[in-house]
Amino acid sequence: MIIDIISATLLLIGCLMAVTAAIGLVRFPDTLSRMHAATKPQTFGLLLILLGAVLRLGDNVDSGMLVLAGLFALITAPVVAHRIGRLAYQEQRARDGLIDQRDMESPDRD
């Protein structure tokens, strides 16, 4: 009974975090702000939802798959956010005339 209440609470808080991320994507004006809204609360919300599902499943075989899904989200979300942020920064610099279009796509630049 207590596990069900904790699981439901985690699921609800995780869903609220995901909704917060969606609202942030719609409301924020620029790419970097949207990137922050898309990665931070969305990943945390997903982890809370997965934790609630693992608690609800108990000692089921599927709990391992949920843990792997959470680890995959933790590994890939920062990498994707970094790539999007870097691209947005370079696009803005190119729009302002600070760098050339050829310099944006060279792989040796950081």
Protein backbone atom coordinates (compact mmCIF):
# COMPACT_ATOMS: atom_id res chain seq x y z
CA MET A 1 0.00 0.00 0.00
CA ILE A 2 2.77 2.45 0.93
CA ILE A 3 4.77 1.47 -2.16
CA ASP A 4 1.74 2.25 -4.32
CA ILE A 5 1.42 5.73 -2.80
CA ILE A 6 5.12 6.45 -3.26
CA SER A 7 5.00 5.12 -6.81
CA ALA A 8 1.96 7.24 -7.67
CA THR A 9 3.59 10.32 -6.16
CA LEU A 10 6.76 9.79 -8.19
CA LEU A 11 4.72 9.27 -11.35
CA LEU A 12 2.74 12.46 -10.78
CA ILE A 13 5.80 14.57 -9.99
CA GLY A 14 7.57 13.13 -13.05
CA CYS A 15 4.59 14.00 -15.25
CA LEU A 16 4.53 17.53 -13.84
CA MET A 17 8.22 17.92 -14.65
CA ALA A 18 7.61 16.73 -18.22
CA VAL A 19 4.72 19.20 -18.60
CA THR A 20 6.96 21.95 -17.24
CA ALA A 21 9.54 21.08 -19.90
CA ALA A 22 6.88 21.23 -22.62
CA ILE A 23 5.63 24.61 -21.43
CA GLY A 24 9.21 25.89 -21.34
CA LEU A 25 9.74 24.79 -24.93
CA VAL A 26 6.74 26.81 -26.03
CA ARG A 27 7.30 29.90 -23.90
CA PHE A 28 11.06 30.52 -23.98
CA PRO A 29 12.20 32.89 -26.73
CA ASP A 30 15.59 31.60 -27.86
CA THR A 31 17.24 28.28 -28.59
CA LEU A 32 19.53 28.17 -25.56
CA SER A 33 16.65 28.76 -23.15
CA ARG A 34 14.57 26.13 -24.91
CA MET A 35 17.48 23.73 -24.78
CA HIS A 36 17.66 24.14 -21.01
CA ALA A 37 13.92 23.51 -20.69
CA ALA A 38 14.13 20.47 -22.93
CA THR A 39 16.97 18.74 -21.09
CA LYS A 40 16.90 19.47 -17.37
CA PRO A 41 13.26 18.98 -16.26
CA GLN A 42 12.49 16.46 -18.98
CA THR A 43 15.32 14.14 -17.96
CA PHE A 44 14.52 14.51 -14.26
CA GLY A 45 10.83 13.88 -14.95
CA LEU A 46 11.64 10.78 -16.97
CA LEU A 47 13.82 9.45 -14.17
CA LEU A 48 11.06 10.02 -11.62
CA ILE A 49 8.54 8.25 -13.86
CA LEU A 50 10.91 5.33 -14.35
CA LEU A 51 11.62 5.14 -10.62
CA GLY A 52 7.89 5.09 -9.88
CA ALA A 53 7.41 2.32 -12.44
CA VAL A 54 10.30 0.29 -10.98
CA LEU A 55 8.79 0.60 -7.51
CA ARG A 56 5.42 -0.49 -8.84
CA LEU A 57 6.83 -3.47 -10.73
CA GLY A 58 8.86 -4.73 -7.80
CA ASP A 59 11.09 -7.71 -8.63
CA ASN A 60 9.92 -8.03 -12.21
CA VAL A 61 12.33 -8.67 -15.08
CA ASP A 62 11.20 -5.45 -16.76
CA SER A 63 12.70 -3.36 -13.95
CA GLY A 64 16.14 -3.90 -15.43
CA MET A 65 14.99 -2.53 -18.76
CA LEU A 66 13.62 0.57 -17.05
CA VAL A 67 16.95 1.10 -15.31
CA LEU A 68 18.74 0.78 -18.66
CA ALA A 69 16.34 3.29 -20.22
CA GLY A 70 17.10 5.75 -17.41
CA LEU A 71 20.84 5.29 -17.84
CA PHE A 72 20.53 5.80 -21.58
CA ALA A 73 18.63 9.04 -21.01
CA LEU A 74 21.25 10.26 -18.53
CA ILE A 75 24.07 9.49 -20.95
CA THR A 76 22.55 10.94 -24.12
CA ALA A 77 20.71 14.06 -22.90
CA PRO A 78 23.82 16.11 -22.03
CA VAL A 79 25.52 15.18 -25.30
CA VAL A 80 22.53 16.22 -27.38
CA ALA A 81 22.12 19.45 -25.39
CA HIS A 82 25.78 20.29 -25.93
CA ARG A 83 25.55 19.72 -29.68
CA ILE A 84 22.39 21.83 -29.99
CA GLY A 85 23.89 24.61 -27.89
CA ARG A 86 27.08 24.64 -29.91
CA LEU A 87 25.19 24.75 -33.18
CA ALA A 88 22.91 27.56 -31.97
CA TYR A 89 25.92 29.56 -30.77
CA GLN A 90 27.72 29.14 -34.10
CA GLU A 91 24.60 30.03 -36.07
CA GLN A 92 24.21 33.24 -34.06
CA ARG A 93 27.86 34.16 -34.59
CA ALA A 94 27.49 33.51 -38.33
CA ARG A 95 24.35 35.66 -38.45
CA ASP A 96 26.21 38.48 -36.72
CA GLY A 97 29.03 38.22 -39.24
CA LEU A 98 31.66 37.20 -36.68
CA ILE A 99 32.58 33.92 -38.36
CA ASP A 100 32.40 32.61 -41.89
CA GLN A 101 30.01 29.81 -42.86
CA ARG A 102 32.98 27.60 -43.80
CA ASP A 103 34.44 27.93 -40.29
CA MET A 104 31.27 26.63 -38.69
CA GLU A 105 31.45 23.20 -40.25
CA SER A 106 35.15 22.45 -39.85
CA PRO A 107 35.63 19.49 -37.47
CA ASP A 108 38.85 20.79 -35.92
CA ARG A 109 37.21 23.81 -34.23
CA ASP A 110 35.98 23.67 -30.64
